Every structure is written in C-alpha cells, then in structure tokens.
Amino acid sequence: MNDHLAPDVAALLERRQDVWLALSPLWLERDPREADYQHMAEVVEAQGIGFRELEQLYRLEMAPVLVREQVGMTPNFKGFDDSRLLSRLLQHTHRLSRGRRLFWLLFSGLATMPSRHRYGNLIEILYLRGNTPE
C-alpha cells in the first residue's frame, strides 16, 4: 500500500497502521471479545504507546474517521475494509494541523461517545497487564 506514498505519509502509515487496525473493533456494532481486547493491548504495548499518546490517538486520529464510518454502517455491520479504513485514517491524520487538532479536541466527546465505554475497557486491561500512565 505504501509504495506510492510520500516519505512522511509512508512513515505515518508504518507507525500507525497496526494500532489503528487493532483498535478499530472499538467502533463495531458488536462488543469486542476478550481476545480482541487482549490483541489491542498487545499491539499498544508492542508499539510502546503510553496512556497519553493512546488517548490522543483515539480522540484525534481515530474517532473523527470511525464515527463517520459507524454512522454509515448497515444494522448488521461486522467489520471494516482494512485498506479503505487505513486510507481514510491516513488522510485524516496527515491533515491534522494545529487548528484541526483543536477542533477535534473540542468535539471529541461527541465523536468518542459511541465507543468510550469500550475504550475504557481497554484502558482497564492495560492497567491489569501492568501498564501505568506516564
């Protein structure tokens, strides 16, 4: 996928794609299974992402894109097309200027509302696995 991308965009994709794909089930119609949460925690730990960075990633990078995807879902929606999802997340995150970050910080409560309880479950699992906030 990243053969034709600019170096900074390719680096962003390389740095984020695993965690974006791992966390995307937070927005699915069904609640993630325990195995899904464990996979999310493993990816977050492997990436060395702390709680502050994870919150920013969740609120600013993922929620604005995935809440729009969620609104357009059919009632029995079971998953995302990974390539399409990565493309949208990459485009959104690459364009996050200071002004856009401030906008999404102001409106992130609305964008995260559908998945916040699931994100809270992930944070609890990370704590139980021995992670501590930075």
N, C-alpha and C. Protein backbone atom coordinates (compact mmCIF):
# COMPACT_ATOMS: atom_id res chain seq x y z
N MET A 1 0.81 -1.20 0.00
CA MET A 1 0.00 0.00 0.00
C MET A 1 0.86 1.26 0.00
N ASN A 2 2.02 1.24 0.64
CA ASN A 2 2.79 2.48 0.78
C ASN A 2 3.91 2.65 -0.23
N ASP A 3 3.87 1.94 -1.37
CA ASP A 3 4.89 2.09 -2.40
C ASP A 3 4.84 3.46 -3.08
N HIS A 4 3.67 4.06 -3.17
CA HIS A 4 3.48 5.31 -3.89
C HIS A 4 3.29 6.52 -2.97
N LEU A 5 3.50 6.37 -1.69
CA LEU A 5 3.26 7.45 -0.73
C LEU A 5 4.51 8.29 -0.52
N ALA A 6 4.30 9.56 -0.19
CA ALA A 6 5.41 10.44 0.18
C ALA A 6 6.07 9.88 1.44
N PRO A 7 7.36 10.15 1.62
CA PRO A 7 8.08 9.56 2.76
C PRO A 7 7.44 9.84 4.12
N ASP A 8 6.96 11.06 4.35
CA ASP A 8 6.36 11.37 5.65
C ASP A 8 5.03 10.64 5.84
N VAL A 9 4.27 10.49 4.78
CA VAL A 9 3.00 9.77 4.84
C VAL A 9 3.26 8.27 5.02
N ALA A 10 4.24 7.76 4.30
CA ALA A 10 4.59 6.34 4.45
C ALA A 10 5.07 6.04 5.86
N ALA A 11 5.83 6.96 6.44
CA ALA A 11 6.31 6.77 7.82
C ALA A 11 5.14 6.79 8.80
N LEU A 12 4.18 7.67 8.58
CA LEU A 12 2.99 7.73 9.43
C LEU A 12 2.22 6.42 9.34
N LEU A 13 2.03 5.92 8.14
CA LEU A 13 1.32 4.65 7.95
C LEU A 13 2.06 3.52 8.64
N GLU A 14 3.36 3.46 8.46
CA GLU A 14 4.17 2.41 9.08
C GLU A 14 4.05 2.46 10.61
N ARG A 15 4.04 3.66 11.14
CA ARG A 15 4.00 3.84 12.60
C ARG A 15 2.61 3.53 13.18
N ARG A 16 1.55 3.79 12.43
CA ARG A 16 0.20 3.72 12.99
C ARG A 16 -0.67 2.55 12.53
N GLN A 17 -0.38 1.94 11.39
CA GLN A 17 -1.34 1.01 10.82
C GLN A 17 -1.71 -0.15 11.75
N ASP A 18 -0.75 -0.73 12.44
CA ASP A 18 -1.07 -1.86 13.32
C ASP A 18 -2.00 -1.45 14.45
N VAL A 19 -1.73 -0.32 15.06
CA VAL A 19 -2.58 0.11 16.18
C VAL A 19 -3.95 0.57 15.69
N TRP A 20 -4.02 1.24 14.55
CA TRP A 20 -5.32 1.64 14.00
C TRP A 20 -6.18 0.41 13.73
N LEU A 21 -5.61 -0.59 13.09
CA LEU A 21 -6.38 -1.79 12.78
C LEU A 21 -6.76 -2.55 14.05
N ALA A 22 -5.85 -2.60 15.01
CA ALA A 22 -6.14 -3.31 16.25
C ALA A 22 -7.27 -2.65 17.03
N LEU A 23 -7.31 -1.31 17.05
CA LEU A 23 -8.32 -0.60 17.83
C LEU A 23 -9.65 -0.40 17.10
N SER A 24 -9.69 -0.63 15.81
CA SER A 24 -10.92 -0.38 15.04
C SER A 24 -12.13 -1.16 15.56
N PRO A 25 -11.99 -2.36 16.14
CA PRO A 25 -13.18 -3.05 16.67
C PRO A 25 -13.91 -2.28 17.78
N LEU A 26 -13.28 -1.26 18.34
CA LEU A 26 -13.98 -0.45 19.35
C LEU A 26 -15.23 0.20 18.77
N TRP A 27 -15.27 0.35 17.44
CA TRP A 27 -16.40 1.02 16.79
C TRP A 27 -17.35 0.07 16.08
N LEU A 28 -17.16 -1.21 16.19
CA LEU A 28 -18.06 -2.15 15.53
C LEU A 28 -19.39 -2.25 16.27
N GLU A 29 -20.39 -2.81 15.60
CA GLU A 29 -21.71 -2.98 16.20
C GLU A 29 -21.65 -3.89 17.42
N ARG A 30 -20.90 -4.97 17.32
CA ARG A 30 -20.80 -5.92 18.44
C ARG A 30 -19.69 -5.49 19.39
N ASP A 31 -19.84 -5.86 20.64
CA ASP A 31 -18.78 -5.58 21.60
C ASP A 31 -17.58 -6.46 21.29
N PRO A 32 -16.38 -5.90 21.41
CA PRO A 32 -15.19 -6.73 21.20
C PRO A 32 -15.15 -7.88 22.20
N ARG A 33 -14.60 -9.00 21.77
CA ARG A 33 -14.42 -10.16 22.65
C ARG A 33 -13.17 -9.94 23.49
N GLU A 34 -13.01 -10.75 24.51
CA GLU A 34 -11.82 -10.67 25.36
C GLU A 34 -10.55 -10.82 24.53
N ALA A 35 -10.57 -11.72 23.55
CA ALA A 35 -9.40 -11.91 22.68
C ALA A 35 -9.10 -10.64 21.88
N ASP A 36 -10.14 -9.92 21.47
CA ASP A 36 -9.94 -8.65 20.75
C ASP A 36 -9.23 -7.64 21.65
N TYR A 37 -9.72 -7.53 22.89
CA TYR A 37 -9.10 -6.59 23.83
C TYR A 37 -7.65 -6.97 24.13
N GLN A 38 -7.39 -8.25 24.27
CA GLN A 38 -6.01 -8.69 24.54
C GLN A 38 -5.10 -8.36 23.36
N HIS A 39 -5.63 -8.54 22.14
CA HIS A 39 -4.85 -8.19 20.94
C HIS A 39 -4.57 -6.69 20.90
N MET A 40 -5.59 -5.88 21.20
CA MET A 40 -5.41 -4.43 21.24
C MET A 40 -4.31 -4.07 22.24
N ALA A 41 -4.37 -4.65 23.43
CA ALA A 41 -3.38 -4.36 24.47
C ALA A 41 -1.98 -4.78 24.02
N GLU A 42 -1.87 -5.93 23.39
CA GLU A 42 -0.57 -6.41 22.91
C GLU A 42 0.03 -5.45 21.88
N VAL A 43 -0.80 -4.97 20.96
CA VAL A 43 -0.32 -4.05 19.92
C VAL A 43 0.10 -2.72 20.55
N VAL A 44 -0.72 -2.20 21.46
CA VAL A 44 -0.38 -0.95 22.14
C VAL A 44 0.95 -1.09 22.87
N GLU A 45 1.14 -2.19 23.57
CA GLU A 45 2.39 -2.43 24.30
C GLU A 45 3.57 -2.59 23.35
N ALA A 46 3.37 -3.35 22.28
CA ALA A 46 4.45 -3.57 21.31
C ALA A 46 4.89 -2.26 20.65
N GLN A 47 3.94 -1.35 20.46
CA GLN A 47 4.25 -0.06 19.85
C GLN A 47 4.86 0.91 20.86
N GLY A 48 4.82 0.57 22.13
CA GLY A 48 5.36 1.45 23.17
C GLY A 48 4.53 2.71 23.35
N ILE A 49 3.22 2.59 23.16
CA ILE A 49 2.32 3.73 23.26
C ILE A 49 1.86 3.88 24.71
N GLY A 50 2.11 5.05 25.27
CA GLY A 50 1.67 5.34 26.63
C GLY A 50 0.23 5.81 26.65
N PHE A 51 -0.31 5.96 27.85
CA PHE A 51 -1.71 6.33 28.01
C PHE A 51 -2.05 7.69 27.38
N ARG A 52 -1.19 8.66 27.54
CA ARG A 52 -1.46 10.00 26.97
C ARG A 52 -1.49 9.93 25.44
N GLU A 53 -0.50 9.27 24.85
CA GLU A 53 -0.48 9.15 23.39
C GLU A 53 -1.67 8.33 22.90
N LEU A 54 -2.02 7.28 23.63
CA LEU A 54 -3.15 6.44 23.24
C LEU A 54 -4.45 7.26 23.25
N GLU A 55 -4.63 8.08 24.26
CA GLU A 55 -5.84 8.92 24.33
C GLU A 55 -5.89 9.89 23.15
N GLN A 56 -4.75 10.50 22.81
CA GLN A 56 -4.71 11.43 21.68
C GLN A 56 -4.98 10.69 20.37
N LEU A 57 -4.39 9.53 20.21
CA LEU A 57 -4.59 8.72 19.02
C LEU A 57 -6.07 8.36 18.88
N TYR A 58 -6.66 7.92 19.97
CA TYR A 58 -8.08 7.55 20.00
C TYR A 58 -8.98 8.75 19.67
N ARG A 59 -8.76 9.87 20.34
CA ARG A 59 -9.63 11.03 20.20
C ARG A 59 -9.43 11.81 18.91
N LEU A 60 -8.16 12.00 18.51
CA LEU A 60 -7.87 12.89 17.39
C LEU A 60 -7.68 12.18 16.06
N GLU A 61 -7.09 11.00 16.09
CA GLU A 61 -6.82 10.30 14.84
C GLU A 61 -7.95 9.37 14.44
N MET A 62 -8.43 8.57 15.39
CA MET A 62 -9.38 7.53 15.04
C MET A 62 -10.85 7.95 15.13
N ALA A 63 -11.25 8.55 16.22
CA ALA A 63 -12.68 8.84 16.44
C ALA A 63 -13.31 9.67 15.32
N PRO A 64 -12.66 10.73 14.83
CA PRO A 64 -13.31 11.53 13.78
C PRO A 64 -13.61 10.73 12.52
N VAL A 65 -12.75 9.77 12.19
CA VAL A 65 -12.95 8.96 10.99
C VAL A 65 -13.94 7.83 11.26
N LEU A 66 -13.73 7.13 12.36
CA LEU A 66 -14.53 5.93 12.62
C LEU A 66 -15.96 6.24 13.03
N VAL A 67 -16.20 7.36 13.67
CA VAL A 67 -17.58 7.69 14.00
C VAL A 67 -18.37 7.96 12.72
N ARG A 68 -17.73 8.54 11.71
CA ARG A 68 -18.41 8.74 10.42
C ARG A 68 -18.65 7.41 9.73
N GLU A 69 -17.70 6.49 9.84
CA GLU A 69 -17.89 5.15 9.27
C GLU A 69 -19.05 4.45 9.98
N GLN A 70 -19.11 4.61 11.30
CA GLN A 70 -20.13 3.95 12.10
C GLN A 70 -21.53 4.46 11.74
N VAL A 71 -21.66 5.74 11.48
CA VAL A 71 -22.96 6.32 11.14
C VAL A 71 -23.48 5.72 9.83
N GLY A 72 -22.58 5.40 8.90
CA GLY A 72 -22.99 4.86 7.61
C GLY A 72 -23.12 3.35 7.58
N MET A 73 -22.96 2.70 8.71
CA MET A 73 -23.00 1.23 8.74
C MET A 73 -24.41 0.70 8.58
N THR A 74 -24.49 -0.50 7.99
CA THR A 74 -25.76 -1.20 7.96
C THR A 74 -25.99 -1.82 9.33
N PRO A 75 -27.22 -2.17 9.68
CA PRO A 75 -27.51 -2.67 11.02
C PRO A 75 -26.71 -3.91 11.44
N ASN A 76 -26.32 -4.75 10.51
CA ASN A 76 -25.58 -5.97 10.87
C ASN A 76 -24.11 -5.87 10.52
N PHE A 77 -23.56 -4.67 10.55
CA PHE A 77 -22.18 -4.43 10.17
C PHE A 77 -21.22 -5.21 11.06
N LYS A 78 -20.29 -5.93 10.45
CA LYS A 78 -19.38 -6.80 11.21
C LYS A 78 -17.92 -6.40 11.14
N GLY A 79 -17.52 -5.55 10.19
CA GLY A 79 -16.11 -5.22 10.10
C GLY A 79 -15.84 -4.14 9.07
N PHE A 80 -14.60 -3.67 9.08
CA PHE A 80 -14.16 -2.64 8.16
C PHE A 80 -13.34 -3.25 7.04
N ASP A 81 -13.33 -2.58 5.90
CA ASP A 81 -12.39 -2.92 4.84
C ASP A 81 -11.06 -2.27 5.24
N ASP A 82 -10.06 -3.08 5.58
CA ASP A 82 -8.81 -2.56 6.14
C ASP A 82 -8.13 -1.53 5.25
N SER A 83 -8.08 -1.79 3.96
CA SER A 83 -7.41 -0.88 3.05
C SER A 83 -8.12 0.47 3.00
N ARG A 84 -9.42 0.45 2.88
CA ARG A 84 -10.21 1.69 2.84
C ARG A 84 -10.08 2.44 4.17
N LEU A 85 -10.16 1.70 5.27
CA LEU A 85 -10.06 2.31 6.59
C LEU A 85 -8.70 2.97 6.78
N LEU A 86 -7.63 2.25 6.44
CA LEU A 86 -6.29 2.82 6.57
C LEU A 86 -6.13 4.07 5.71
N SER A 87 -6.68 4.03 4.52
CA SER A 87 -6.59 5.19 3.63
C SER A 87 -7.27 6.41 4.25
N ARG A 88 -8.45 6.22 4.81
CA ARG A 88 -9.18 7.34 5.43
C ARG A 88 -8.47 7.84 6.69
N LEU A 89 -7.98 6.92 7.51
CA LEU A 89 -7.26 7.33 8.72
C LEU A 89 -5.97 8.06 8.37
N LEU A 90 -5.28 7.57 7.38
CA LEU A 90 -4.03 8.19 6.95
C LEU A 90 -4.28 9.60 6.43
N GLN A 91 -5.27 9.74 5.59
CA GLN A 91 -5.60 11.05 5.03
C GLN A 91 -5.98 12.02 6.15
N HIS A 92 -6.84 11.60 7.05
CA HIS A 92 -7.27 12.47 8.15
C HIS A 92 -6.09 12.85 9.04
N THR A 93 -5.31 11.89 9.47
CA THR A 93 -4.22 12.15 10.42
C THR A 93 -3.14 13.01 9.79
N HIS A 94 -2.84 12.77 8.53
CA HIS A 94 -1.82 13.57 7.84
C HIS A 94 -2.23 15.04 7.76
N ARG A 95 -3.53 15.30 7.70
CA ARG A 95 -4.03 16.68 7.58
C ARG A 95 -4.32 17.34 8.94
N LEU A 96 -3.97 16.68 10.04
CA LEU A 96 -4.26 17.24 11.37
C LEU A 96 -3.33 18.41 11.69
N SER A 97 -3.72 19.57 11.27
CA SER A 97 -2.98 20.79 11.61
C SER A 97 -3.33 21.17 13.05
N ARG A 98 -2.68 22.19 13.56
CA ARG A 98 -2.97 22.66 14.91
C ARG A 98 -4.44 23.05 15.06
N GLY A 99 -4.98 23.75 14.08
CA GLY A 99 -6.38 24.16 14.11
C GLY A 99 -7.33 22.97 14.10
N ARG A 100 -7.04 21.99 13.27
CA ARG A 100 -7.88 20.79 13.22
C ARG A 100 -7.80 20.00 14.52
N ARG A 101 -6.61 19.95 15.12
CA ARG A 101 -6.46 19.27 16.41
C ARG A 101 -7.33 19.94 17.47
N LEU A 102 -7.31 21.26 17.50
CA LEU A 102 -8.13 22.00 18.47
C LEU A 102 -9.62 21.74 18.23
N PHE A 103 -10.02 21.75 16.97
CA PHE A 103 -11.42 21.47 16.63
C PHE A 103 -11.82 20.10 17.15
N TRP A 104 -11.01 19.08 16.85
CA TRP A 104 -11.37 17.72 17.26
C TRP A 104 -11.26 17.54 18.77
N LEU A 105 -10.38 18.26 19.43
CA LEU A 105 -10.35 18.21 20.89
C LEU A 105 -11.67 18.73 21.47
N LEU A 106 -12.19 19.82 20.87
CA LEU A 106 -13.46 20.38 21.34
C LEU A 106 -14.63 19.43 21.11
N PHE A 107 -14.63 18.73 19.98
CA PHE A 107 -15.76 17.88 19.62
C PHE A 107 -15.50 16.39 19.82
N SER A 108 -14.39 16.05 20.45
CA SER A 108 -14.06 14.63 20.61
C SER A 108 -15.02 13.90 21.53
N GLY A 109 -15.67 14.62 22.43
CA GLY A 109 -16.66 13.96 23.29
C GLY A 109 -17.78 13.35 22.48
N LEU A 110 -18.25 14.08 21.49
CA LEU A 110 -19.30 13.55 20.61
C LEU A 110 -18.78 12.41 19.74
N ALA A 111 -17.57 12.57 19.22
CA ALA A 111 -17.01 11.56 18.32
C ALA A 111 -16.65 10.27 19.05
N THR A 112 -16.31 10.37 20.34
CA THR A 112 -15.92 9.17 21.08
C THR A 112 -17.06 8.54 21.86
N MET A 113 -18.18 9.23 21.97
CA MET A 113 -19.29 8.73 22.77
C MET A 113 -19.71 7.29 22.43
N PRO A 114 -19.82 6.92 21.16
CA PRO A 114 -20.27 5.56 20.85
C PRO A 114 -19.29 4.46 21.27
N SER A 115 -18.03 4.80 21.46
CA SER A 115 -17.03 3.77 21.76
C SER A 115 -16.31 3.99 23.09
N ARG A 116 -16.64 5.03 23.82
CA ARG A 116 -15.89 5.39 25.03
C ARG A 116 -15.90 4.27 26.06
N HIS A 117 -17.02 3.60 26.27
CA HIS A 117 -17.06 2.52 27.26
C HIS A 117 -16.13 1.37 26.87
N ARG A 118 -16.01 1.11 25.58
CA ARG A 118 -15.11 0.06 25.11
C ARG A 118 -13.65 0.48 25.28
N TYR A 119 -13.38 1.74 24.99
CA TYR A 119 -12.03 2.27 25.20
C TYR A 119 -11.67 2.17 26.69
N GLY A 120 -12.63 2.46 27.55
CA GLY A 120 -12.41 2.31 29.00
C GLY A 120 -12.06 0.88 29.37
N ASN A 121 -12.70 -0.08 28.73
CA ASN A 121 -12.37 -1.49 28.96
C ASN A 121 -10.93 -1.79 28.57
N LEU A 122 -10.49 -1.22 27.45
CA LEU A 122 -9.10 -1.41 27.01
C LEU A 122 -8.13 -0.82 28.02
N ILE A 123 -8.42 0.38 28.51
CA ILE A 123 -7.55 1.01 29.49
C ILE A 123 -7.46 0.15 30.75
N GLU A 124 -8.59 -0.39 31.18
CA GLU A 124 -8.59 -1.26 32.36
C GLU A 124 -7.71 -2.49 32.12
N ILE A 125 -7.80 -3.07 30.95
CA ILE A 125 -6.97 -4.25 30.63
C ILE A 125 -5.50 -3.87 30.62
N LEU A 126 -5.17 -2.71 30.08
CA LEU A 126 -3.78 -2.26 30.08
C LEU A 126 -3.27 -2.09 31.52
N TYR A 127 -4.10 -1.53 32.40
CA TYR A 127 -3.72 -1.41 33.81
C TYR A 127 -3.49 -2.79 34.43
N LEU A 128 -4.41 -3.71 34.17
CA LEU A 128 -4.29 -5.06 34.73
C LEU A 128 -3.06 -5.80 34.21
N ARG A 129 -2.62 -5.43 33.02
CA ARG A 129 -1.41 -6.05 32.46
C ARG A 129 -0.14 -5.37 32.98
N GLY A 130 -0.29 -4.41 33.87
CA GLY A 130 0.87 -3.79 34.49
C GLY A 130 1.32 -2.48 33.88
N ASN A 131 0.56 -1.93 32.97
CA ASN A 131 0.91 -0.63 32.40
C ASN A 131 0.52 0.47 33.39
N THR A 132 1.30 1.52 33.39
CA THR A 132 0.99 2.67 34.23
C THR A 132 1.04 3.93 33.39
N PRO A 133 0.21 4.92 33.72
CA PRO A 133 0.25 6.17 32.95
C PRO A 133 1.61 6.84 33.05
N GLU A 134 1.99 7.52 31.97
CA GLU A 134 3.27 8.24 32.01
C GLU A 134 3.17 9.54 32.72
